[in-house]
N, C-alpha and C. Protein backbone atom coordinates (compact mmCIF):
# COMPACT_ATOMS: atom_id res chain seq x y z
N MET A 1 24.23 93.96 168.18
CA MET A 1 24.92 95.11 167.63
C MET A 1 25.29 93.72 166.41
N CYS A 2 25.29 94.69 165.35
CA CYS A 2 26.06 93.87 164.03
C CYS A 2 27.56 94.12 163.87
N LEU A 3 27.81 93.10 162.85
CA LEU A 3 29.41 93.73 161.39
C LEU A 3 29.24 93.83 160.53
N ALA A 4 29.13 95.14 160.18
CA ALA A 4 28.85 95.29 158.37
C ALA A 4 30.26 95.22 157.98
N ILE A 5 30.55 94.91 157.18
CA ILE A 5 31.71 95.35 156.20
C ILE A 5 31.93 95.66 154.90
N PRO A 6 32.47 96.35 154.35
CA PRO A 6 32.14 97.54 153.28
C PRO A 6 32.76 96.77 152.26
N GLY A 7 32.60 96.66 150.53
CA GLY A 7 32.59 95.87 149.61
C GLY A 7 32.58 96.80 148.57
N ARG A 8 32.92 96.64 147.43
CA ARG A 8 32.18 97.44 145.57
C ARG A 8 32.03 96.46 145.16
N VAL A 9 30.57 97.34 144.66
CA VAL A 9 29.99 96.22 143.58
C VAL A 9 30.54 96.25 142.37
N LYS A 10 31.13 94.91 142.11
CA LYS A 10 31.77 94.85 140.75
C LYS A 10 30.86 93.99 139.54
N LYS A 11 29.84 93.44 139.64
CA LYS A 11 28.57 93.16 138.74
C LYS A 11 27.41 92.45 139.25
N ILE A 12 26.22 93.70 138.64
CA ILE A 12 24.51 92.92 139.11
C ILE A 12 24.30 92.02 138.47
N PHE A 13 23.46 91.34 138.85
CA PHE A 13 22.69 90.12 138.05
C PHE A 13 21.36 90.20 138.04
N ASN A 14 20.46 89.29 137.47
CA ASN A 14 19.33 90.05 137.11
C ASN A 14 18.31 89.15 138.31
N ASP A 15 18.51 88.22 139.37
CA ASP A 15 18.15 87.79 140.66
C ASP A 15 18.55 88.66 141.58
N HIS A 16 18.75 89.84 141.25
CA HIS A 16 19.05 91.19 142.59
C HIS A 16 20.01 90.66 143.54
N THR A 17 21.27 89.68 142.84
CA THR A 17 22.38 89.46 143.78
C THR A 17 23.33 90.42 142.65
N ALA A 18 24.67 90.67 143.60
CA ALA A 18 25.83 90.76 142.82
C ALA A 18 26.98 90.47 143.68
N GLU A 19 27.88 90.96 142.13
CA GLU A 19 29.46 90.22 143.08
C GLU A 19 30.00 91.55 143.60
N ILE A 20 30.80 91.38 144.90
CA ILE A 20 30.79 92.16 145.54
C ILE A 20 32.52 91.93 145.75
N GLU A 21 33.32 93.28 146.17
CA GLU A 21 34.64 93.10 146.36
C GLU A 21 35.14 93.32 147.59
N ILE A 22 35.69 92.80 147.97
CA ILE A 22 35.91 92.65 149.70
C ILE A 22 37.37 92.65 149.57
N GLY A 23 38.58 93.42 149.95
CA GLY A 23 40.07 93.49 150.08
C GLY A 23 40.63 92.34 148.82
N GLY A 24 40.10 92.25 147.52
CA GLY A 24 40.39 91.67 146.68
C GLY A 24 39.76 89.88 145.81
N ILE A 25 38.96 89.94 147.70
CA ILE A 25 38.30 88.42 147.48
C ILE A 25 36.19 89.14 147.02
N ILE A 26 36.16 88.39 146.18
CA ILE A 26 34.76 88.43 145.38
C ILE A 26 33.74 87.60 146.06
N LYS A 27 32.91 88.26 146.63
CA LYS A 27 31.90 87.47 147.33
C LYS A 27 30.07 87.70 146.71
N ARG A 28 29.38 86.93 146.57
CA ARG A 28 27.93 87.35 145.85
C ARG A 28 26.82 87.60 147.21
N ALA A 29 26.35 88.28 147.15
CA ALA A 29 25.11 89.08 148.11
C ALA A 29 24.11 89.37 147.26
N SER A 30 22.81 89.24 148.16
CA SER A 30 21.49 89.65 147.59
C SER A 30 21.64 91.03 147.99
N LEU A 31 21.20 91.33 146.80
CA LEU A 31 20.48 93.16 146.81
C LEU A 31 18.85 93.39 147.15
N ASP A 32 18.33 92.38 147.52
CA ASP A 32 17.10 92.72 147.78
C ASP A 32 16.55 93.91 148.91
N LEU A 33 17.91 94.07 149.88
CA LEU A 33 17.21 95.44 150.58
C LEU A 33 17.55 97.02 150.27
N ILE A 34 18.96 96.89 149.02
CA ILE A 34 18.86 97.79 148.49
C ILE A 34 18.88 97.87 146.95
N PRO A 35 17.96 98.11 146.31
CA PRO A 35 17.92 97.20 145.10
C PRO A 35 17.95 98.21 144.29
N LYS A 36 18.10 99.56 144.11
CA LYS A 36 18.81 100.67 143.27
C LYS A 36 20.47 100.47 143.52
N VAL A 37 20.97 100.24 144.11
CA VAL A 37 22.47 100.47 143.98
C VAL A 37 23.27 100.11 142.45
N GLU A 38 24.16 100.57 142.12
CA GLU A 38 24.61 100.94 141.14
C GLU A 38 26.40 99.82 140.94
N VAL A 39 26.91 99.19 140.15
CA VAL A 39 28.39 98.88 139.96
C VAL A 39 29.13 100.37 140.01
N GLY A 40 29.87 99.94 141.54
CA GLY A 40 31.15 100.90 141.05
C GLY A 40 30.97 101.65 142.75
N GLU A 41 29.80 101.51 143.19
CA GLU A 41 28.93 101.61 144.81
C GLU A 41 29.81 101.07 145.84
N TYR A 42 29.41 101.59 146.88
CA TYR A 42 30.08 100.97 147.98
C TYR A 42 28.99 100.55 148.76
N VAL A 43 29.20 98.77 149.61
CA VAL A 43 27.84 99.01 150.07
C VAL A 43 28.48 98.06 151.85
N LEU A 44 27.38 98.15 152.61
CA LEU A 44 27.73 97.57 153.64
C LEU A 44 27.30 95.81 153.86
N LEU A 45 27.49 94.75 153.88
CA LEU A 45 27.59 93.67 153.80
C LEU A 45 27.24 93.32 155.10
N HIS A 46 26.36 92.42 155.31
CA HIS A 46 25.92 91.67 156.97
C HIS A 46 25.29 90.33 156.06
N ALA A 47 25.82 89.04 156.66
CA ALA A 47 25.02 87.92 156.57
C ALA A 47 24.46 87.77 155.21
N GLY A 48 25.11 88.09 153.93
CA GLY A 48 25.26 87.59 152.95
C GLY A 48 23.92 88.50 151.87
N PHE A 49 23.74 89.85 153.53
CA PHE A 49 22.90 90.61 152.50
C PHE A 49 23.55 92.49 152.40
N ALA A 50 24.03 92.95 151.08
CA ALA A 50 23.50 94.11 150.87
C ALA A 50 23.00 95.19 152.06
N ILE A 51 23.12 95.86 152.61
CA ILE A 51 22.21 96.57 153.73
C ILE A 51 22.01 98.20 153.46
N GLU A 52 22.89 98.52 153.04
CA GLU A 52 23.11 99.87 153.08
C GLU A 52 23.95 100.74 152.17
N VAL A 53 24.36 101.68 151.36
CA VAL A 53 25.19 102.19 150.72
C VAL A 53 25.55 103.08 150.97
N ILE A 54 27.30 103.51 150.56
CA ILE A 54 28.25 104.01 151.33
C ILE A 54 28.78 104.70 150.70
N ASN A 55 29.18 105.94 150.89
CA ASN A 55 30.35 106.61 149.93
C ASN A 55 32.00 106.23 150.54
N GLN A 56 32.39 106.00 149.16
CA GLN A 56 33.98 105.82 149.30
C GLN A 56 34.92 106.13 150.38
N ILE A 57 34.58 107.18 150.58
CA ILE A 57 35.54 108.24 151.86
C ILE A 57 35.29 106.88 153.23
N GLU A 58 33.23 106.73 153.80
CA GLU A 58 33.32 106.17 154.57
C GLU A 58 33.66 104.84 154.41
N ALA A 59 33.84 103.80 153.38
CA ALA A 59 34.49 102.76 152.95
C ALA A 59 36.26 102.53 153.43
N LEU A 60 36.78 103.49 153.32
CA LEU A 60 38.35 104.07 153.07
C LEU A 60 38.35 104.21 154.30
N LYS A 61 37.90 104.98 155.30
CA LYS A 61 38.28 104.90 156.45
C LYS A 61 37.93 103.93 157.09
N ILE A 62 36.91 102.50 156.92
CA ILE A 62 36.55 101.27 157.82
C ILE A 62 38.07 100.81 157.30
N PHE A 63 38.38 100.62 155.68
CA PHE A 63 39.57 100.01 155.59
C PHE A 63 40.84 100.16 156.21
N GLU A 64 40.79 102.00 156.80
CA GLU A 64 42.24 101.95 157.26
C GLU A 64 42.54 101.75 158.48
N ALA A 65 40.86 101.77 159.12
CA ALA A 65 40.69 101.31 160.89
C ALA A 65 41.09 100.27 161.32
N TRP A 66 40.81 99.20 160.22
CA TRP A 66 40.54 97.29 160.00
C TRP A 66 42.91 97.62 160.20
N GLU A 67 43.28 98.06 159.41
CA GLU A 67 44.66 97.94 158.88
C GLU A 67 45.37 98.86 160.64
N GLY A 68 44.55 99.05 160.78
CA GLY A 68 45.61 100.02 162.21
C GLY A 68 45.64 101.77 161.88
N LYS A 69 45.82 101.90 160.67
CA LYS A 69 46.04 102.99 160.17
C LYS A 69 45.73 104.37 160.49
N ILE A 70 44.14 104.38 161.43
CA ILE A 70 43.86 105.56 162.30
C ILE A 70 43.33 104.99 163.57
N ASP A 71 42.95 105.65 164.04
CA ASP A 71 42.57 105.31 165.53
C ASP A 71 41.03 105.34 165.78
């Protein structure tokens, strides 16, 4: 099992990497596994790679669960 963290794509670079915002923190991640992602979309991050595009509702549910707002 792996842990993947949702984040929002803020900027995409020509080297197939992107700036991803996770709770106000900006991290750089590889887009090699999902090259068609666009700025503003939410992705799941694992070990420095964006591994899947998710919708905003899914991302927000994960954030709420982490904050203990939902069961």
